[in-house]
Amino acid sequence: MIFYATPLSSYSAKVRIALCVKDLPFQEIQPPGGYRSESYRAIAPMGTIPALQVDGQLISESEVILEYLEDRYPEPPMWPQDPLKRAQFRFRARFHDLYFEPLVRRLFAHVPASKRQPPEVQHIRSELVHRIGQMRHWSMAFVASSTQQITLADCGFMVNIPLAAQLLSACGVEDPFPTSWIDWWQSGHQHPAVAKALAPWKQATQEWLASQISK
């Protein structure tokens, strides 16, 4: 499998977690010519990352890639077997992509001090608090399972909860995450496969923050 991704991309990191948890062989390549370039669009017409090339065919969109990996390589399982629980976990993954990650992404523009708009940063934080409140009403605790098994629903949050905390801190604002959530992702990052998957993302994120925060 060829995995088109970049180290800084949170969606690439999300998929890389599943690839590593399932211990699958893959070759990671950055988009030829750069993200959304014509060279890359010749391979992936949408021009987006991540993308996975399997047997000469391309799969785009992180959630589609994750579900393909689960269908094709069901061990270790990263979805519950019960259909209702699986639907609940799918909802969480969907919630991440539609309502949580977009808020985190909006913070990037405010990291450089010269471009920061403190009222907007506070507004984004308030929206995150609202989403956290919604997640607190989920029927199961915000942990993959009692066995600490990593699920597909965890992959996005495993990246974007700590990223949100880092970005808010860079903007001079305290993050709103409950201690239990911080304990959750820190524990998850100690999982050997997750640690391997997130190593390039962590390095790229730190380098980007260091290059931007004083601008």
N, C-alpha and C. Protein backbone atom coordinates (compact mmCIF):
# COMPACT_ATOMS: atom_id res chain seq x y z
N MET A 1 0.85 -1.20 0.00
CA MET A 1 0.00 0.00 0.00
C MET A 1 0.88 1.24 0.00
N ILE A 2 0.47 2.23 -0.77
CA ILE A 2 1.14 3.52 -0.76
C ILE A 2 0.24 4.51 -0.03
N PHE A 3 0.79 5.15 0.96
CA PHE A 3 0.04 6.07 1.81
C PHE A 3 0.52 7.49 1.51
N TYR A 4 -0.32 8.28 0.85
CA TYR A 4 0.02 9.66 0.56
C TYR A 4 -0.38 10.52 1.75
N ALA A 5 0.61 11.17 2.34
CA ALA A 5 0.37 11.89 3.59
C ALA A 5 1.48 12.92 3.80
N THR A 6 1.26 13.80 4.77
CA THR A 6 2.32 14.71 5.21
C THR A 6 2.42 14.62 6.73
N PRO A 7 3.61 14.87 7.29
CA PRO A 7 3.78 14.74 8.74
C PRO A 7 2.89 15.68 9.55
N LEU A 8 2.62 16.89 9.05
CA LEU A 8 1.86 17.87 9.82
C LEU A 8 0.36 17.63 9.77
N SER A 9 -0.11 16.88 8.81
CA SER A 9 -1.56 16.67 8.61
C SER A 9 -2.16 15.83 9.73
N SER A 10 -3.15 16.37 10.42
CA SER A 10 -3.81 15.63 11.49
C SER A 10 -4.63 14.47 10.94
N TYR A 11 -5.21 14.64 9.75
CA TYR A 11 -5.97 13.55 9.15
C TYR A 11 -5.04 12.42 8.70
N SER A 12 -3.83 12.78 8.25
CA SER A 12 -2.85 11.74 7.94
C SER A 12 -2.46 10.98 9.20
N ALA A 13 -2.26 11.70 10.29
CA ALA A 13 -1.91 11.06 11.56
C ALA A 13 -3.03 10.14 12.03
N LYS A 14 -4.27 10.57 11.82
CA LYS A 14 -5.43 9.76 12.19
C LYS A 14 -5.40 8.40 11.50
N VAL A 15 -5.12 8.39 10.19
CA VAL A 15 -5.08 7.13 9.44
C VAL A 15 -3.83 6.34 9.80
N ARG A 16 -2.72 7.04 10.00
CA ARG A 16 -1.47 6.35 10.34
C ARG A 16 -1.63 5.54 11.63
N ILE A 17 -2.46 6.02 12.57
CA ILE A 17 -2.70 5.27 13.80
C ILE A 17 -3.27 3.90 13.47
N ALA A 18 -4.29 3.86 12.61
CA ALA A 18 -4.91 2.58 12.28
C ALA A 18 -3.94 1.67 11.54
N LEU A 19 -3.15 2.22 10.63
CA LEU A 19 -2.17 1.42 9.91
C LEU A 19 -1.18 0.77 10.88
N CYS A 20 -0.78 1.53 11.89
CA CYS A 20 0.19 1.00 12.85
C CYS A 20 -0.45 0.05 13.85
N VAL A 21 -1.66 0.35 14.30
CA VAL A 21 -2.35 -0.55 15.23
C VAL A 21 -2.55 -1.91 14.57
N LYS A 22 -2.88 -1.90 13.28
CA LYS A 22 -3.09 -3.15 12.56
C LYS A 22 -1.77 -3.75 12.04
N ASP A 23 -0.67 -3.05 12.28
CA ASP A 23 0.67 -3.52 11.93
C ASP A 23 0.75 -3.87 10.44
N LEU A 24 0.27 -2.94 9.60
CA LEU A 24 0.24 -3.19 8.16
C LEU A 24 1.47 -2.58 7.49
N PRO A 25 2.02 -3.27 6.51
CA PRO A 25 3.14 -2.69 5.76
C PRO A 25 2.63 -1.63 4.79
N PHE A 26 3.26 -0.47 4.79
CA PHE A 26 2.87 0.59 3.86
C PHE A 26 4.07 1.47 3.59
N GLN A 27 4.03 2.12 2.43
CA GLN A 27 5.06 3.09 2.07
C GLN A 27 4.43 4.47 2.11
N GLU A 28 4.96 5.33 2.97
CA GLU A 28 4.41 6.68 3.09
C GLU A 28 5.15 7.63 2.16
N ILE A 29 4.40 8.35 1.35
CA ILE A 29 4.96 9.28 0.38
C ILE A 29 4.24 10.62 0.51
N GLN A 30 5.00 11.71 0.50
CA GLN A 30 4.37 13.03 0.46
C GLN A 30 3.87 13.30 -0.95
N PRO A 31 2.80 14.06 -1.11
CA PRO A 31 2.22 14.31 -2.44
C PRO A 31 3.25 14.85 -3.42
N PRO A 32 3.46 14.19 -4.54
CA PRO A 32 4.41 14.70 -5.55
C PRO A 32 4.03 16.11 -6.00
N GLY A 33 4.99 17.01 -5.90
CA GLY A 33 4.72 18.39 -6.29
C GLY A 33 4.05 19.20 -5.21
N GLY A 34 3.68 18.56 -4.10
CA GLY A 34 3.04 19.26 -3.00
C GLY A 34 1.54 19.07 -2.96
N TYR A 35 0.98 19.43 -1.84
CA TYR A 35 -0.46 19.30 -1.58
C TYR A 35 -1.26 20.06 -2.63
N ARG A 36 -2.23 19.40 -3.25
CA ARG A 36 -3.13 19.96 -4.27
C ARG A 36 -2.43 20.35 -5.57
N SER A 37 -1.19 19.94 -5.76
CA SER A 37 -0.48 20.25 -6.99
C SER A 37 -1.08 19.47 -8.16
N GLU A 38 -0.77 19.92 -9.36
CA GLU A 38 -1.25 19.22 -10.55
C GLU A 38 -0.66 17.82 -10.62
N SER A 39 0.60 17.69 -10.21
CA SER A 39 1.25 16.38 -10.22
C SER A 39 0.51 15.41 -9.31
N TYR A 40 0.12 15.90 -8.14
CA TYR A 40 -0.58 15.03 -7.21
C TYR A 40 -2.02 14.76 -7.68
N ARG A 41 -2.65 15.76 -8.28
CA ARG A 41 -4.03 15.56 -8.78
C ARG A 41 -4.07 14.51 -9.89
N ALA A 42 -2.96 14.32 -10.57
CA ALA A 42 -2.91 13.27 -11.59
C ALA A 42 -3.02 11.89 -10.95
N ILE A 43 -2.65 11.82 -9.65
CA ILE A 43 -2.76 10.56 -8.90
C ILE A 43 -4.06 10.51 -8.13
N ALA A 44 -4.32 11.62 -7.42
CA ALA A 44 -5.51 11.74 -6.57
C ALA A 44 -6.31 12.95 -7.04
N PRO A 45 -7.32 12.78 -7.87
CA PRO A 45 -8.03 13.92 -8.48
C PRO A 45 -8.53 14.96 -7.49
N MET A 46 -8.90 14.55 -6.28
CA MET A 46 -9.35 15.53 -5.28
C MET A 46 -8.21 16.40 -4.79
N GLY A 47 -6.98 15.88 -4.89
CA GLY A 47 -5.82 16.64 -4.45
C GLY A 47 -5.66 16.71 -2.95
N THR A 48 -6.43 15.91 -2.22
CA THR A 48 -6.42 15.98 -0.75
C THR A 48 -5.61 14.84 -0.16
N ILE A 49 -5.23 15.05 1.09
CA ILE A 49 -4.55 14.00 1.85
C ILE A 49 -5.35 13.75 3.13
N PRO A 50 -5.23 12.51 3.62
CA PRO A 50 -4.45 11.39 3.10
C PRO A 50 -5.18 10.69 1.96
N ALA A 51 -4.43 9.83 1.29
CA ALA A 51 -5.00 8.94 0.28
C ALA A 51 -4.22 7.64 0.35
N LEU A 52 -4.88 6.56 -0.02
CA LEU A 52 -4.26 5.24 0.04
C LEU A 52 -4.40 4.57 -1.31
N GLN A 53 -3.26 4.14 -1.85
CA GLN A 53 -3.28 3.43 -3.12
C GLN A 53 -3.11 1.94 -2.87
N VAL A 54 -4.09 1.17 -3.32
CA VAL A 54 -4.10 -0.28 -3.10
C VAL A 54 -4.35 -0.96 -4.44
N ASP A 55 -3.41 -1.79 -4.85
CA ASP A 55 -3.56 -2.54 -6.11
C ASP A 55 -3.90 -1.61 -7.28
N GLY A 56 -3.25 -0.45 -7.30
CA GLY A 56 -3.46 0.48 -8.39
C GLY A 56 -4.71 1.32 -8.29
N GLN A 57 -5.48 1.14 -7.23
CA GLN A 57 -6.70 1.93 -7.05
C GLN A 57 -6.53 2.86 -5.85
N LEU A 58 -7.16 4.03 -5.95
CA LEU A 58 -6.97 5.05 -4.92
C LEU A 58 -8.20 5.17 -4.02
N ILE A 59 -7.96 5.31 -2.74
CA ILE A 59 -9.02 5.56 -1.76
C ILE A 59 -8.72 6.90 -1.10
N SER A 60 -9.67 7.82 -1.14
CA SER A 60 -9.51 9.13 -0.52
C SER A 60 -10.47 9.27 0.66
N GLU A 61 -10.24 10.29 1.47
CA GLU A 61 -11.01 10.63 2.67
C GLU A 61 -10.65 9.68 3.81
N SER A 62 -10.21 10.26 4.90
CA SER A 62 -9.67 9.49 6.02
C SER A 62 -10.64 8.46 6.57
N GLU A 63 -11.91 8.83 6.71
CA GLU A 63 -12.87 7.90 7.31
C GLU A 63 -13.14 6.73 6.38
N VAL A 64 -13.16 6.97 5.08
CA VAL A 64 -13.33 5.89 4.10
C VAL A 64 -12.13 4.95 4.15
N ILE A 65 -10.94 5.52 4.26
CA ILE A 65 -9.73 4.71 4.35
C ILE A 65 -9.78 3.84 5.60
N LEU A 66 -10.18 4.42 6.73
CA LEU A 66 -10.23 3.65 7.98
C LEU A 66 -11.21 2.49 7.86
N GLU A 67 -12.36 2.73 7.28
CA GLU A 67 -13.35 1.66 7.17
C GLU A 67 -12.88 0.58 6.19
N TYR A 68 -12.18 0.98 5.14
CA TYR A 68 -11.59 -0.03 4.25
C TYR A 68 -10.61 -0.91 5.01
N LEU A 69 -9.73 -0.28 5.79
CA LEU A 69 -8.73 -1.05 6.54
C LEU A 69 -9.40 -2.02 7.50
N GLU A 70 -10.48 -1.59 8.13
CA GLU A 70 -11.19 -2.47 9.06
C GLU A 70 -11.85 -3.63 8.31
N ASP A 71 -12.43 -3.35 7.17
CA ASP A 71 -13.07 -4.40 6.37
C ASP A 71 -12.04 -5.39 5.83
N ARG A 72 -10.93 -4.86 5.36
CA ARG A 72 -9.93 -5.71 4.71
C ARG A 72 -9.04 -6.43 5.73
N TYR A 73 -8.75 -5.76 6.83
CA TYR A 73 -7.85 -6.33 7.84
C TYR A 73 -8.55 -6.27 9.21
N PRO A 74 -9.45 -7.18 9.48
CA PRO A 74 -10.29 -7.09 10.69
C PRO A 74 -9.59 -7.39 12.01
N GLU A 75 -8.33 -7.81 11.96
CA GLU A 75 -7.59 -8.09 13.18
C GLU A 75 -6.39 -7.16 13.32
N PRO A 76 -6.20 -6.57 14.49
CA PRO A 76 -7.13 -6.56 15.61
C PRO A 76 -8.35 -5.69 15.29
N PRO A 77 -9.52 -6.03 15.81
CA PRO A 77 -10.73 -5.25 15.51
C PRO A 77 -10.65 -3.85 16.09
N MET A 78 -11.08 -2.88 15.31
CA MET A 78 -11.10 -1.49 15.77
C MET A 78 -12.50 -0.91 15.76
N TRP A 79 -13.51 -1.76 15.57
CA TRP A 79 -14.92 -1.42 15.76
C TRP A 79 -15.52 -2.44 16.70
N PRO A 80 -16.51 -2.08 17.51
CA PRO A 80 -17.25 -3.08 18.28
C PRO A 80 -17.99 -4.03 17.34
N GLN A 81 -18.22 -5.26 17.76
CA GLN A 81 -18.93 -6.22 16.92
C GLN A 81 -20.44 -5.99 16.95
N ASP A 82 -20.96 -5.50 18.07
CA ASP A 82 -22.40 -5.25 18.19
C ASP A 82 -22.81 -4.12 17.25
N PRO A 83 -23.83 -4.31 16.40
CA PRO A 83 -24.20 -3.29 15.41
C PRO A 83 -24.58 -1.95 16.03
N LEU A 84 -25.28 -1.96 17.17
CA LEU A 84 -25.68 -0.70 17.78
C LEU A 84 -24.48 0.05 18.34
N LYS A 85 -23.60 -0.67 19.02
CA LYS A 85 -22.38 -0.02 19.52
C LYS A 85 -21.52 0.49 18.38
N ARG A 86 -21.47 -0.29 17.30
CA ARG A 86 -20.69 0.14 16.15
C ARG A 86 -21.26 1.44 15.58
N ALA A 87 -22.59 1.55 15.53
CA ALA A 87 -23.21 2.79 15.05
C ALA A 87 -22.86 3.96 15.96
N GLN A 88 -22.83 3.72 17.27
CA GLN A 88 -22.47 4.79 18.21
C GLN A 88 -21.03 5.25 17.99
N PHE A 89 -20.14 4.31 17.74
CA PHE A 89 -18.75 4.66 17.51
C PHE A 89 -18.58 5.37 16.16
N ARG A 90 -19.36 4.95 15.17
CA ARG A 90 -19.32 5.65 13.88
C ARG A 90 -19.78 7.10 14.05
N PHE A 91 -20.79 7.29 14.88
CA PHE A 91 -21.26 8.65 15.15
C PHE A 91 -20.14 9.49 15.76
N ARG A 92 -19.38 8.91 16.68
CA ARG A 92 -18.29 9.66 17.32
C ARG A 92 -17.23 10.05 16.30
N ALA A 93 -16.91 9.12 15.41
CA ALA A 93 -15.94 9.43 14.37
C ALA A 93 -16.47 10.54 13.47
N ARG A 94 -17.74 10.48 13.14
CA ARG A 94 -18.37 11.51 12.31
C ARG A 94 -18.42 12.86 13.04
N PHE A 95 -18.71 12.81 14.31
CA PHE A 95 -18.75 14.01 15.13
C PHE A 95 -17.38 14.70 15.11
N HIS A 96 -16.34 13.90 15.23
CA HIS A 96 -14.98 14.46 15.20
C HIS A 96 -14.74 15.21 13.90
N ASP A 97 -15.06 14.58 12.77
CA ASP A 97 -14.73 15.17 11.48
C ASP A 97 -15.58 16.39 11.15
N LEU A 98 -16.84 16.39 11.58
CA LEU A 98 -17.75 17.47 11.20
C LEU A 98 -17.80 18.63 12.18
N TYR A 99 -17.64 18.34 13.47
CA TYR A 99 -17.90 19.37 14.49
C TYR A 99 -16.72 19.70 15.39
N PHE A 100 -15.78 18.78 15.52
CA PHE A 100 -14.65 19.03 16.43
C PHE A 100 -13.41 19.50 15.70
N GLU A 101 -12.96 18.72 14.73
CA GLU A 101 -11.73 19.08 14.01
C GLU A 101 -11.80 20.44 13.33
N PRO A 102 -12.93 20.83 12.71
CA PRO A 102 -12.96 22.15 12.08
C PRO A 102 -12.68 23.30 13.06
N LEU A 103 -13.09 23.15 14.31
CA LEU A 103 -12.80 24.18 15.31
C LEU A 103 -11.30 24.24 15.58
N VAL A 104 -10.68 23.08 15.71
CA VAL A 104 -9.24 23.04 15.96
C VAL A 104 -8.49 23.67 14.79
N ARG A 105 -8.90 23.35 13.59
CA ARG A 105 -8.24 23.89 12.39
C ARG A 105 -8.28 25.42 12.36
N ARG A 106 -9.37 26.00 12.84
CA ARG A 106 -9.49 27.47 12.83
C ARG A 106 -8.46 28.15 13.73
N LEU A 107 -7.92 27.42 14.68
CA LEU A 107 -6.94 28.01 15.60
C LEU A 107 -5.59 28.25 14.95
N PHE A 108 -5.27 27.51 13.89
CA PHE A 108 -3.95 27.65 13.27
C PHE A 108 -3.68 29.09 12.85
N ALA A 109 -4.68 29.75 12.32
CA ALA A 109 -4.48 31.11 11.81
C ALA A 109 -4.13 32.10 12.91
N HIS A 110 -4.40 31.76 14.17
CA HIS A 110 -4.20 32.69 15.27
C HIS A 110 -2.92 32.45 16.05
N VAL A 111 -2.14 31.45 15.64
CA VAL A 111 -0.88 31.19 16.36
C VAL A 111 0.12 32.33 16.19
N PRO A 112 0.36 32.85 14.98
CA PRO A 112 1.26 34.00 14.85
C PRO A 112 0.69 35.20 15.61
N ALA A 113 1.48 35.78 16.49
CA ALA A 113 1.00 36.88 17.32
C ALA A 113 0.51 38.06 16.49
N SER A 114 1.14 38.30 15.34
CA SER A 114 0.77 39.45 14.52
C SER A 114 -0.59 39.28 13.86
N LYS A 115 -1.07 38.04 13.75
CA LYS A 115 -2.35 37.78 13.09
C LYS A 115 -3.44 37.37 14.07
N ARG A 116 -3.09 37.26 15.31
CA ARG A 116 -4.03 36.74 16.31
C ARG A 116 -5.16 37.73 16.59
N GLN A 117 -6.35 37.18 16.70
CA GLN A 117 -7.52 37.96 17.09
C GLN A 117 -8.09 37.33 18.36
N PRO A 118 -7.69 37.86 19.53
CA PRO A 118 -8.10 37.25 20.80
C PRO A 118 -9.60 37.01 20.94
N PRO A 119 -10.47 37.91 20.50
CA PRO A 119 -11.91 37.62 20.62
C PRO A 119 -12.32 36.37 19.84
N GLU A 120 -11.73 36.20 18.66
CA GLU A 120 -12.06 35.01 17.86
C GLU A 120 -11.52 33.75 18.52
N VAL A 121 -10.33 33.83 19.10
CA VAL A 121 -9.77 32.67 19.81
C VAL A 121 -10.69 32.28 20.96
N GLN A 122 -11.17 33.27 21.70
CA GLN A 122 -12.08 32.99 22.81
C GLN A 122 -13.40 32.40 22.29
N HIS A 123 -13.83 32.87 21.14
CA HIS A 123 -15.07 32.34 20.55
C HIS A 123 -14.88 30.87 20.17
N ILE A 124 -13.75 30.55 19.58
CA ILE A 124 -13.47 29.16 19.21
C ILE A 124 -13.41 28.30 20.48
N ARG A 125 -12.77 28.82 21.51
CA ARG A 125 -12.72 28.07 22.77
C ARG A 125 -14.12 27.81 23.32
N SER A 126 -14.98 28.81 23.23
CA SER A 126 -16.36 28.65 23.71
C SER A 126 -17.09 27.58 22.90
N GLU A 127 -16.84 27.55 21.61
CA GLU A 127 -17.46 26.52 20.78
C GLU A 127 -16.93 25.14 21.15
N LEU A 128 -15.64 25.04 21.46
CA LEU A 128 -15.08 23.76 21.92
C LEU A 128 -15.73 23.32 23.22
N VAL A 129 -15.95 24.27 24.12
CA VAL A 129 -16.63 23.94 25.38
C VAL A 129 -18.02 23.39 25.10
N HIS A 130 -18.70 23.99 24.15
CA HIS A 130 -20.04 23.51 23.76
C HIS A 130 -19.97 22.08 23.25
N ARG A 131 -19.01 21.79 22.40
CA ARG A 131 -18.88 20.43 21.85
C ARG A 131 -18.47 19.44 22.94
N ILE A 132 -17.63 19.87 23.84
CA ILE A 132 -17.25 19.00 24.97
C ILE A 132 -18.49 18.64 25.77
N GLY A 133 -19.36 19.61 25.99
CA GLY A 133 -20.61 19.35 26.71
C GLY A 133 -21.46 18.31 26.01
N GLN A 134 -21.50 18.37 24.68
CA GLN A 134 -22.26 17.39 23.93
C GLN A 134 -21.65 16.00 24.04
N MET A 135 -20.34 15.93 24.03
CA MET A 135 -19.66 14.64 24.12
C MET A 135 -19.80 14.02 25.51
N ARG A 136 -19.98 14.85 26.52
CA ARG A 136 -20.14 14.32 27.88
C ARG A 136 -21.44 13.54 28.03
N HIS A 137 -22.36 13.73 27.09
CA HIS A 137 -23.64 13.03 27.17
C HIS A 137 -23.65 11.73 26.39
N TRP A 138 -22.52 11.37 25.81
CA TRP A 138 -22.45 10.08 25.13
C TRP A 138 -22.69 8.96 26.13
N SER A 139 -23.24 7.86 25.63
CA SER A 139 -23.67 6.78 26.52
C SER A 139 -22.52 6.01 27.14
N MET A 140 -21.31 6.12 26.57
CA MET A 140 -20.16 5.42 27.11
C MET A 140 -19.07 6.43 27.45
N ALA A 141 -18.23 6.06 28.40
CA ALA A 141 -17.14 6.94 28.80
C ALA A 141 -16.23 7.22 27.61
N PHE A 142 -15.55 8.35 27.66
CA PHE A 142 -14.68 8.75 26.57
C PHE A 142 -13.36 7.98 26.63
N VAL A 143 -13.49 6.67 26.58
CA VAL A 143 -12.35 5.76 26.52
C VAL A 143 -12.78 4.66 25.58
N ALA A 144 -11.86 4.16 24.80
CA ALA A 144 -12.22 3.18 23.77
C ALA A 144 -12.98 2.00 24.35
N SER A 145 -12.47 1.39 25.40
CA SER A 145 -13.14 0.25 26.01
C SER A 145 -12.45 -0.05 27.33
N SER A 146 -13.03 -0.95 28.08
CA SER A 146 -12.44 -1.32 29.37
C SER A 146 -11.07 -1.99 29.19
N THR A 147 -10.80 -2.51 28.00
CA THR A 147 -9.52 -3.15 27.73
C THR A 147 -8.50 -2.18 27.13
N GLN A 148 -8.89 -0.91 27.00
CA GLN A 148 -8.02 0.12 26.43
C GLN A 148 -7.69 -0.16 24.96
N GLN A 149 -8.55 -0.88 24.28
CA GLN A 149 -8.36 -1.15 22.86
C GLN A 149 -8.57 0.13 22.07
N ILE A 150 -7.69 0.40 21.12
CA ILE A 150 -7.83 1.57 20.27
C ILE A 150 -8.90 1.28 19.21
N THR A 151 -9.86 2.17 19.05
CA THR A 151 -10.89 2.01 18.04
C THR A 151 -10.74 3.09 16.97
N LEU A 152 -11.44 2.90 15.85
CA LEU A 152 -11.40 3.90 14.79
C LEU A 152 -11.96 5.24 15.28
N ALA A 153 -12.88 5.19 16.22
CA ALA A 153 -13.46 6.44 16.75
C ALA A 153 -12.45 7.21 17.59
N ASP A 154 -11.42 6.54 18.08
CA ASP A 154 -10.40 7.21 18.89
C ASP A 154 -9.38 7.95 18.04
N CYS A 155 -9.16 7.48 16.82
CA CYS A 155 -8.00 7.94 16.05
C CYS A 155 -7.97 9.46 15.86
N GLY A 156 -9.07 10.05 15.46
CA GLY A 156 -9.09 11.49 15.25
C GLY A 156 -8.92 12.28 16.53
N PHE A 157 -9.63 11.87 17.57
CA PHE A 157 -9.54 12.59 18.85
C PHE A 157 -8.16 12.43 19.47
N MET A 158 -7.50 11.29 19.23
CA MET A 158 -6.17 11.06 19.78
C MET A 158 -5.18 12.09 19.24
N VAL A 159 -5.48 12.64 18.07
CA VAL A 159 -4.66 13.68 17.46
C VAL A 159 -5.15 15.07 17.85
N ASN A 160 -6.43 15.32 17.72
CA ASN A 160 -6.92 16.69 17.77
C ASN A 160 -7.23 17.22 19.16
N ILE A 161 -7.38 16.37 20.15
CA ILE A 161 -7.51 16.91 21.52
C ILE A 161 -6.18 17.51 21.98
N PRO A 162 -5.06 16.77 21.90
CA PRO A 162 -3.80 17.41 22.29
C PRO A 162 -3.40 18.56 21.37
N LEU A 163 -3.77 18.46 20.08
CA LEU A 163 -3.45 19.56 19.17
C LEU A 163 -4.20 20.82 19.57
N ALA A 164 -5.48 20.68 19.91
CA ALA A 164 -6.26 21.83 20.34
C ALA A 164 -5.65 22.47 21.58
N ALA A 165 -5.21 21.63 22.52
CA ALA A 165 -4.58 22.14 23.74
C ALA A 165 -3.31 22.91 23.41
N GLN A 166 -2.50 22.39 22.49
CA GLN A 166 -1.26 23.06 22.10
C GLN A 166 -1.54 24.40 21.42
N LEU A 167 -2.51 24.41 20.53
CA LEU A 167 -2.81 25.63 19.79
C LEU A 167 -3.40 26.71 20.70
N LEU A 168 -4.28 26.30 21.61
CA LEU A 168 -4.83 27.28 22.55
C LEU A 168 -3.73 27.85 23.44
N SER A 169 -2.83 26.99 23.89
CA SER A 169 -1.72 27.46 24.72
C SER A 169 -0.85 28.43 23.94
N ALA A 170 -0.58 28.12 22.66
CA ALA A 170 0.22 29.02 21.83
C ALA A 170 -0.46 30.37 21.65
N CYS A 171 -1.79 30.38 21.73
CA CYS A 171 -2.57 31.63 21.62
C CYS A 171 -2.77 32.31 22.98
N GLY A 172 -2.18 31.75 24.02
CA GLY A 172 -2.26 32.35 25.35
C GLY A 172 -3.56 32.09 26.06
N VAL A 173 -4.24 30.98 25.70
CA VAL A 173 -5.54 30.67 26.28
C VAL A 173 -5.49 29.27 26.90
N GLU A 174 -6.12 29.13 28.06
CA GLU A 174 -6.15 27.83 28.73
C GLU A 174 -7.12 26.89 28.00
N ASP A 175 -6.71 25.64 27.87
CA ASP A 175 -7.61 24.70 27.20
C ASP A 175 -8.72 24.27 28.17
N PRO A 176 -9.87 23.83 27.62
CA PRO A 176 -11.03 23.52 28.47
C PRO A 176 -11.22 22.02 28.73
N PHE A 177 -10.22 21.21 28.45
CA PHE A 177 -10.44 19.77 28.50
C PHE A 177 -10.41 19.22 29.92
N PRO A 178 -11.37 18.36 30.26
CA PRO A 178 -11.40 17.73 31.57
C PRO A 178 -10.14 16.88 31.80
N THR A 179 -9.77 16.75 33.05
CA THR A 179 -8.58 15.95 33.39
C THR A 179 -8.68 14.54 32.85
N SER A 180 -9.88 13.97 32.89
CA SER A 180 -10.05 12.59 32.41
C SER A 180 -9.70 12.47 30.93
N TRP A 181 -9.99 13.51 30.14
CA TRP A 181 -9.66 13.47 28.71
C TRP A 181 -8.16 13.56 28.51
N ILE A 182 -7.51 14.41 29.29
CA ILE A 182 -6.05 14.54 29.19
C ILE A 182 -5.39 13.22 29.56
N ASP A 183 -5.89 12.60 30.64
CA ASP A 183 -5.35 11.29 31.04
C ASP A 183 -5.58 10.27 29.94
N TRP A 184 -6.73 10.36 29.26
CA TRP A 184 -7.06 9.41 28.20
C TRP A 184 -6.09 9.49 27.04
N TRP A 185 -5.87 10.70 26.51
CA TRP A 185 -5.00 10.77 25.34
C TRP A 185 -3.54 10.53 25.71
N GLN A 186 -3.14 10.94 26.89
CA GLN A 186 -1.76 10.68 27.30
C GLN A 186 -1.51 9.18 27.44
N SER A 187 -2.49 8.47 27.98
CA SER A 187 -2.40 7.02 28.07
C SER A 187 -2.38 6.40 26.68
N GLY A 188 -3.25 6.90 25.81
CA GLY A 188 -3.30 6.38 24.45
C GLY A 188 -2.00 6.59 23.70
N HIS A 189 -1.34 7.72 23.94
CA HIS A 189 -0.09 8.01 23.25
C HIS A 189 1.05 7.10 23.70
N GLN A 190 0.85 6.40 24.81
CA GLN A 190 1.86 5.45 25.28
C GLN A 190 1.71 4.08 24.63
N HIS A 191 0.56 3.85 23.96
CA HIS A 191 0.36 2.62 23.22
C HIS A 191 1.46 2.54 22.15
N PRO A 192 2.21 1.45 22.05
CA PRO A 192 3.35 1.40 21.13
C PRO A 192 3.01 1.76 19.70
N ALA A 193 1.88 1.26 19.18
CA ALA A 193 1.51 1.54 17.80
C ALA A 193 1.14 3.01 17.62
N VAL A 194 0.44 3.57 18.60
CA VAL A 194 0.06 4.98 18.53
C VAL A 194 1.29 5.87 18.62
N ALA A 195 2.20 5.52 19.51
CA ALA A 195 3.44 6.29 19.65
C ALA A 195 4.22 6.30 18.33
N LYS A 196 4.30 5.15 17.68
CA LYS A 196 4.99 5.06 16.39
C LYS A 196 4.28 5.90 15.34
N ALA A 197 2.96 5.82 15.31
CA ALA A 197 2.18 6.53 14.30
C ALA A 197 2.28 8.04 14.45
N LEU A 198 2.33 8.52 15.69
CA LEU A 198 2.27 9.96 15.94
C LEU A 198 3.63 10.63 16.02
N ALA A 199 4.70 9.85 16.02
CA ALA A 199 6.04 10.45 16.13
C ALA A 199 6.30 11.50 15.05
N PRO A 200 6.05 11.22 13.76
CA PRO A 200 6.31 12.27 12.75
C PRO A 200 5.39 13.46 12.89
N TRP A 201 4.15 13.23 13.29
CA TRP A 201 3.19 14.33 13.48
C TRP A 201 3.61 15.22 14.64
N LYS A 202 4.04 14.63 15.75
CA LYS A 202 4.46 15.42 16.90
C LYS A 202 5.65 16.29 16.55
N GLN A 203 6.63 15.73 15.86
CA GLN A 203 7.81 16.50 15.49
C GLN A 203 7.45 17.64 14.55
N ALA A 204 6.63 17.36 13.55
CA ALA A 204 6.24 18.39 12.58
C ALA A 204 5.43 19.49 13.25
N THR A 205 4.56 19.11 14.19
CA THR A 205 3.74 20.10 14.90
C THR A 205 4.60 21.02 15.74
N GLN A 206 5.56 20.45 16.46
CA GLN A 206 6.44 21.27 17.29
C GLN A 206 7.27 22.22 16.44
N GLU A 207 7.76 21.73 15.30
CA GLU A 207 8.55 22.58 14.42
C GLU A 207 7.70 23.71 13.84
N TRP A 208 6.45 23.39 13.48
CA TRP A 208 5.58 24.43 12.92
C TRP A 208 5.26 25.49 13.97
N LEU A 209 4.94 25.06 15.17
CA LEU A 209 4.64 26.02 16.24
C LEU A 209 5.84 26.92 16.51
N ALA A 210 7.02 26.34 16.57
CA ALA A 210 8.22 27.12 16.84
C ALA A 210 8.47 28.14 15.74
N SER A 211 8.10 27.81 14.51
CA SER A 211 8.34 28.73 13.38
C SER A 211 7.31 29.84 13.30
N GLN A 212 6.14 29.63 13.92
CA GLN A 212 5.03 30.57 13.74
C GLN A 212 4.74 31.45 14.94
N ILE A 213 5.01 30.95 16.13
CA ILE A 213 4.48 31.59 17.33
C ILE A 213 5.02 33.01 17.54
N SER A 214 6.23 33.28 17.06
CA SER A 214 6.80 34.61 17.26
C SER A 214 6.57 35.56 16.10
N LYS A 215 5.85 35.11 15.08
CA LYS A 215 5.63 35.96 13.91
C LYS A 215 4.65 37.09 14.22
